[in-house]
Each structure stands twice: as structure tokens, then as C-alpha cells.
Amino acid sequence: MRFRPIAIAAVLAFLAIAPLEAKNSSHSHHTSHKGPAQSGTVGEFDYYVMALSWSPTFCELHPDEDEQCGHKGFGFVLHGLWPQYEGGGGPERCTTDDEPDRKTVNTALAFMPSRRLITHEWVAHGACTGMDPSAYFSLADRAFAAVHVPAEFTAPHATLHVDAAHVRAAFKRANTGLTDEMMSLHCSRGELVEVRVCLSKELAPRECGKRMQSRCPASASFDMPASN
């Protein structure tokens, strides 16, 4: 069977375009309110996600992290404050020559109890806010204080068996105006890893943008390991 010249031209055009489309699709997590083709730009984002890490779960997975773990008795600690786009994802690893100085690190240790974590969060997320390290971690401190952790989760001495509805309800009782659409839960191996709360640039709770999905069972229970 012989192909017509126009048909061959159409096939060649398709093959030339397909690899480009496949390459672009790998960057879909950089989508923003400006459109999926935009890449991360310092200072350009729509809101924040504050990730509250359940320290006992983290320490089970990272027993070598002596500064945060080693029977310190932490409950929820701040994992990070991440700039986000309405369309999903956010800018990451923006170029910077700044780094947190000793005073900034020592202050941040009160709510992010790991120097390794502080350095990582600045490089991965903080530099993209357009702030200097001191201003960024000061904002992170205020964000951490703005969302109240329910008293029952402060630092339990026995493992808690909970479900998503229970955790969400507890956070809503502790924070006036907080709704299910403003937070997501993340689990691993049957244990709670994080509660993530979406905040405006003024640090007020707000509905999350696209692709903020919970990663805990919808109805089955999971564990919150005890603080020790």
C-alpha cells in the first residue's frame, strides 16, 4: 500500500511535536494562575502551605536525626512554609546567595528543631518567597503560632488511634473558621505524617488551591505514635 505525500507529512509533523509535549508535561507541577507553561519566579506565588510534621512518625523513619529525635518529646513541629500556586505546586530551589545566619537558625530551632531541616527548607522553599532568611523564618514562626494544635495532640504519651474525620474535627474546634477545604492529611504505613494547612500571604486560613489531596485513609483509622 502506498501512502499519499500529505499523509506522510502529517505523520512526521506528529512525531516531531509529540516528544516536545511529553517533555513539557513533566513540568506540570509548576503550574500557576498564569498558566501551566510558567516556571518558578522569586516572589511570584499565590498562597502558602504550612506543613505540620508529627515528630514521632518522622523519628521512627529517621532514627539518626538526633537533634529532633532522641526522646525529645515533640508532637507537631513545623516542617515548612511553602509558597504555592493556585493551579498546583509552587516555586522551588530558586537561586540565592543568602543563607540563614547563626542567630536566625538558633531562633528557628524553637519551632523547627533540626538545623538540617532549617537549611533544607530555606534552599527548597524560603528563597523563592523573595525574603531574606531572617524575614522568612520570622514569618514561618508567626504562621506556626497562628494555627493552634489541638490540646489532645500536644504530646501524647500513648499511641493514638484516630481517623481523618477525628483529626480534622479537632483542628477545626481549635481554630475558628478553619474548614476541611483548608487542610490536608498525609499518612505513611498506617501512621500520620503531616497535617498541612493552607494560609493566605497574611497567614489567614484559606481554601487550598488545586491538587492538594489528602494522603490518609478516608474512613479507616491510622496511628499517631506516642511522643517519647
Protein backbone atom coordinates (compact mmCIF):
# COMPACT_ATOMS: atom_id res chain seq x y z
CA MET A 1 0.00 0.00 0.00
CA ARG A 2 1.36 3.44 -0.92
CA PHE A 3 0.99 6.46 1.40
CA ARG A 4 -0.01 9.76 -0.04
CA PRO A 5 2.59 12.55 0.45
CA ILE A 6 0.20 14.60 2.60
CA ALA A 7 -0.35 11.66 4.94
CA ILE A 8 3.40 11.12 5.36
CA ALA A 9 3.88 14.82 6.12
CA ALA A 10 1.17 14.67 8.79
CA VAL A 11 2.81 11.68 10.49
CA LEU A 12 6.23 13.36 10.51
CA ALA A 13 4.74 16.51 11.99
CA PHE A 14 3.08 14.50 14.76
CA LEU A 15 6.32 12.69 15.61
CA ALA A 16 8.16 15.99 15.83
CA ILE A 17 5.61 17.52 18.20
CA ALA A 18 4.99 14.51 20.48
CA PRO A 19 8.42 14.47 22.22
CA LEU A 20 8.11 18.18 22.97
CA GLU A 21 4.68 17.72 24.53
CA ALA A 22 5.95 14.79 26.60
CA LYS A 23 8.86 16.87 27.84
CA ASN A 24 6.64 19.78 28.82
CA SER A 25 4.22 17.51 30.69
CA SER A 26 6.97 16.55 33.14
CA HIS A 27 6.94 20.11 34.45
CA SER A 28 3.21 20.24 35.19
CA HIS A 29 3.83 20.70 38.91
CA HIS A 30 4.98 24.26 38.16
CA THR A 31 1.51 25.34 37.01
CA SER A 32 0.23 28.64 38.39
CA HIS A 33 -2.56 31.13 37.96
CA LYS A 34 -0.57 32.36 34.96
CA GLY A 35 -0.86 29.02 33.19
CA PRO A 36 0.92 25.67 33.10
CA ALA A 37 3.84 26.95 30.99
CA GLN A 38 5.10 29.31 33.71
CA SER A 39 8.17 28.32 35.72
CA GLY A 40 9.03 29.37 39.26
CA THR A 41 9.89 33.04 39.76
CA VAL A 42 11.14 34.52 43.02
CA GLY A 43 8.34 36.28 44.88
CA GLU A 44 5.58 35.24 42.47
CA PHE A 45 3.09 32.86 44.09
CA ASP A 46 -0.46 32.89 45.44
CA TYR A 47 -0.55 31.48 48.97
CA TYR A 48 1.31 29.30 51.48
CA VAL A 49 1.03 25.72 52.62
CA MET A 50 2.18 25.21 56.19
CA ALA A 51 3.24 21.62 56.81
CA LEU A 52 2.97 20.45 60.44
CA SER A 53 5.02 17.30 60.89
CA TRP A 54 4.06 14.71 63.52
CA SER A 55 7.52 14.34 65.01
CA PRO A 56 7.15 10.81 66.45
CA THR A 57 6.38 9.40 62.98
CA PHE A 58 9.32 11.29 61.49
CA CYS A 59 11.63 9.95 64.19
CA GLU A 60 10.54 6.36 63.54
CA LEU A 61 11.56 6.83 59.90
CA HIS A 62 14.72 8.84 60.69
CA PRO A 63 16.21 7.42 63.93
CA ASP A 64 19.58 9.00 63.10
CA GLU A 65 18.17 12.55 63.37
CA ASP A 66 19.49 13.16 66.90
CA GLU A 67 18.73 16.86 67.06
CA GLN A 68 14.98 16.44 66.57
CA CYS A 69 14.60 12.94 67.95
CA GLY A 70 16.39 11.08 70.72
CA HIS A 71 13.44 11.09 73.12
CA LYS A 72 12.85 14.85 72.90
CA GLY A 73 9.08 14.54 73.38
CA PHE A 74 7.99 16.67 70.42
CA GLY A 75 4.48 16.45 68.98
CA PHE A 76 3.73 18.64 65.97
CA VAL A 77 6.68 20.68 64.70
CA LEU A 78 6.94 22.92 61.67
CA HIS A 79 8.15 21.07 58.60
CA GLY A 80 7.93 24.07 56.34
CA LEU A 81 6.10 27.09 54.94
CA TRP A 82 5.84 26.61 51.18
CA PRO A 83 4.85 29.20 48.55
CA GLN A 84 2.15 27.76 46.30
CA TYR A 85 0.30 28.42 43.06
CA GLU A 86 -3.49 28.30 42.73
CA GLY A 87 -3.07 25.80 39.90
CA GLY A 88 -0.98 23.41 41.99
CA GLY A 89 2.64 23.09 43.04
CA GLY A 90 4.90 26.01 43.75
CA PRO A 91 8.30 27.54 43.03
CA GLU A 92 11.24 25.57 44.42
CA ARG A 93 15.02 25.92 44.72
CA CYS A 94 15.25 29.47 43.49
CA THR A 95 18.77 30.79 43.01
CA THR A 96 20.13 32.72 46.01
CA ASP A 97 23.41 33.57 47.67
CA ASP A 98 21.74 34.10 51.06
CA GLU A 99 21.82 31.53 53.83
CA PRO A 100 20.48 31.61 57.41
CA ASP A 101 22.99 33.04 59.88
CA ARG A 102 23.57 31.56 63.33
CA LYS A 103 21.09 33.88 65.06
CA THR A 104 18.33 33.03 62.57
CA VAL A 105 18.99 29.29 62.89
CA ASN A 106 19.01 29.40 66.70
CA THR A 107 15.70 31.28 66.70
CA ALA A 108 14.13 28.86 64.20
CA LEU A 109 15.14 25.83 66.29
CA ALA A 110 12.29 26.69 68.67
CA PHE A 111 9.72 25.52 66.11
CA MET A 112 11.84 23.62 63.54
CA PRO A 113 14.07 21.51 65.82
CA SER A 114 16.70 20.50 63.27
CA ARG A 115 19.48 22.55 61.70
CA ARG A 116 19.44 20.21 58.73
CA LEU A 117 15.73 20.86 58.21
CA ILE A 118 16.14 24.63 58.54
CA THR A 119 18.85 24.72 55.89
CA HIS A 120 16.88 22.45 53.56
CA GLU A 121 13.66 24.47 53.87
CA TRP A 122 15.44 27.72 53.10
CA VAL A 123 17.09 26.31 49.97
CA ALA A 124 14.00 24.40 48.76
CA HIS A 125 11.26 26.93 49.54
CA GLY A 126 12.23 30.01 51.52
CA ALA A 127 14.46 31.55 48.86
CA CYS A 128 11.51 31.56 46.44
CA THR A 129 9.48 33.93 48.64
CA GLY A 130 11.72 36.90 47.82
CA MET A 131 12.50 37.40 51.51
CA ASP A 132 15.86 37.16 53.23
CA PRO A 133 16.35 34.22 55.64
CA SER A 134 15.61 36.26 58.77
CA ALA A 135 12.31 37.57 57.39
CA TYR A 136 11.29 34.17 56.02
CA PHE A 137 11.82 32.29 59.28
CA SER A 138 10.16 35.09 61.24
CA LEU A 139 7.11 34.64 59.00
CA ALA A 140 7.29 30.87 59.48
CA ASP A 141 7.32 31.39 63.26
CA ARG A 142 4.20 33.55 63.04
CA ALA A 143 2.49 31.01 60.79
CA PHE A 144 3.23 28.21 63.25
CA ALA A 145 1.76 30.30 66.08
CA ALA A 146 -1.31 31.25 64.02
CA VAL A 147 -2.64 27.68 63.81
CA HIS A 148 -3.45 26.15 67.19
CA VAL A 149 -2.64 22.48 67.69
CA PRO A 150 -5.50 20.69 69.49
CA ALA A 151 -4.65 20.00 73.14
CA GLU A 152 -5.16 16.24 72.71
CA PHE A 153 -2.30 16.20 70.19
CA THR A 154 0.18 18.27 72.18
CA ALA A 155 2.47 15.39 73.16
CA PRO A 156 0.54 12.18 73.95
CA HIS A 157 2.37 9.51 75.93
CA ALA A 158 0.44 6.65 74.31
CA THR A 159 -0.22 5.95 70.63
CA LEU A 160 -3.47 7.49 69.43
CA HIS A 161 -5.74 5.53 67.09
CA VAL A 162 -7.65 8.13 65.07
CA ASP A 163 -9.28 8.66 61.70
CA ALA A 164 -9.26 11.61 59.30
CA ALA A 165 -12.62 12.93 60.49
CA HIS A 166 -11.41 12.99 64.09
CA VAL A 167 -8.19 14.87 63.28
CA ARG A 168 -9.98 17.37 61.05
CA ALA A 169 -12.68 17.98 63.65
CA ALA A 170 -10.10 18.55 66.38
CA PHE A 171 -8.23 21.14 64.30
CA LYS A 172 -11.48 22.89 63.38
CA ARG A 173 -12.51 23.11 67.04
CA ALA A 174 -9.14 24.60 67.92
CA ASN A 175 -9.14 27.11 65.05
CA THR A 176 -12.20 29.25 64.38
CA GLY A 177 -13.02 29.46 60.69
CA LEU A 178 -10.86 26.52 59.63
CA THR A 179 -12.66 24.16 57.23
CA ASP A 180 -11.95 20.80 55.60
CA GLU A 181 -11.11 22.59 52.34
CA MET A 182 -8.28 24.44 54.08
CA MET A 183 -6.23 21.41 55.14
CA SER A 184 -4.98 18.02 54.02
CA LEU A 185 -3.68 15.00 55.94
CA HIS A 186 -0.74 12.82 54.94
CA CYS A 187 -0.05 9.30 56.16
CA SER A 188 2.57 6.62 55.56
CA ARG A 189 2.50 2.94 56.57
CA GLY A 190 -0.64 3.44 58.63
CA GLU A 191 0.67 6.42 60.61
CA LEU A 192 0.03 10.16 60.44
CA VAL A 193 2.97 12.05 58.92
CA GLU A 194 1.68 15.61 58.48
CA VAL A 195 -1.24 17.99 58.68
CA ARG A 196 -0.98 20.69 56.02
CA VAL A 197 -2.89 23.97 56.36
CA CYS A 198 -3.32 26.49 53.57
CA LEU A 199 -2.72 30.12 54.50
CA SER A 200 -3.03 33.44 52.71
CA LYS A 201 0.02 35.67 52.41
CA GLU A 202 -1.32 37.41 55.53
CA LEU A 203 -1.33 33.99 57.28
CA ALA A 204 -5.11 33.66 57.49
CA PRO A 205 -6.52 30.15 56.83
CA ARG A 206 -7.91 29.86 53.29
CA GLU A 207 -9.09 27.18 50.89
CA CYS A 208 -6.31 25.23 49.24
CA GLY A 209 -5.59 25.51 45.53
CA LYS A 210 -5.75 22.67 43.07
CA ARG A 211 -4.18 19.24 43.59
CA MET A 212 -3.98 19.49 47.38
CA GLN A 213 -5.19 15.98 48.20
CA SER A 214 -5.15 14.13 51.50
CA ARG A 215 -2.99 11.01 51.70
CA CYS A 216 -4.66 9.33 54.67
CA PRO A 217 -7.47 6.75 54.61
CA ALA A 218 -10.85 8.43 54.14
CA SER A 219 -12.58 6.31 56.78
CA ALA A 220 -10.17 3.72 58.21
CA SER A 221 -8.22 4.59 61.34
CA PHE A 222 -4.50 5.26 61.48
CA ASP A 223 -1.98 5.81 64.27
CA MET A 224 -0.30 8.83 65.79
CA PRO A 225 2.72 7.30 67.55
CA ALA A 226 3.34 8.48 71.11
CA SER A 227 5.81 11.21 71.94
CA ASN A 228 8.82 9.94 73.86
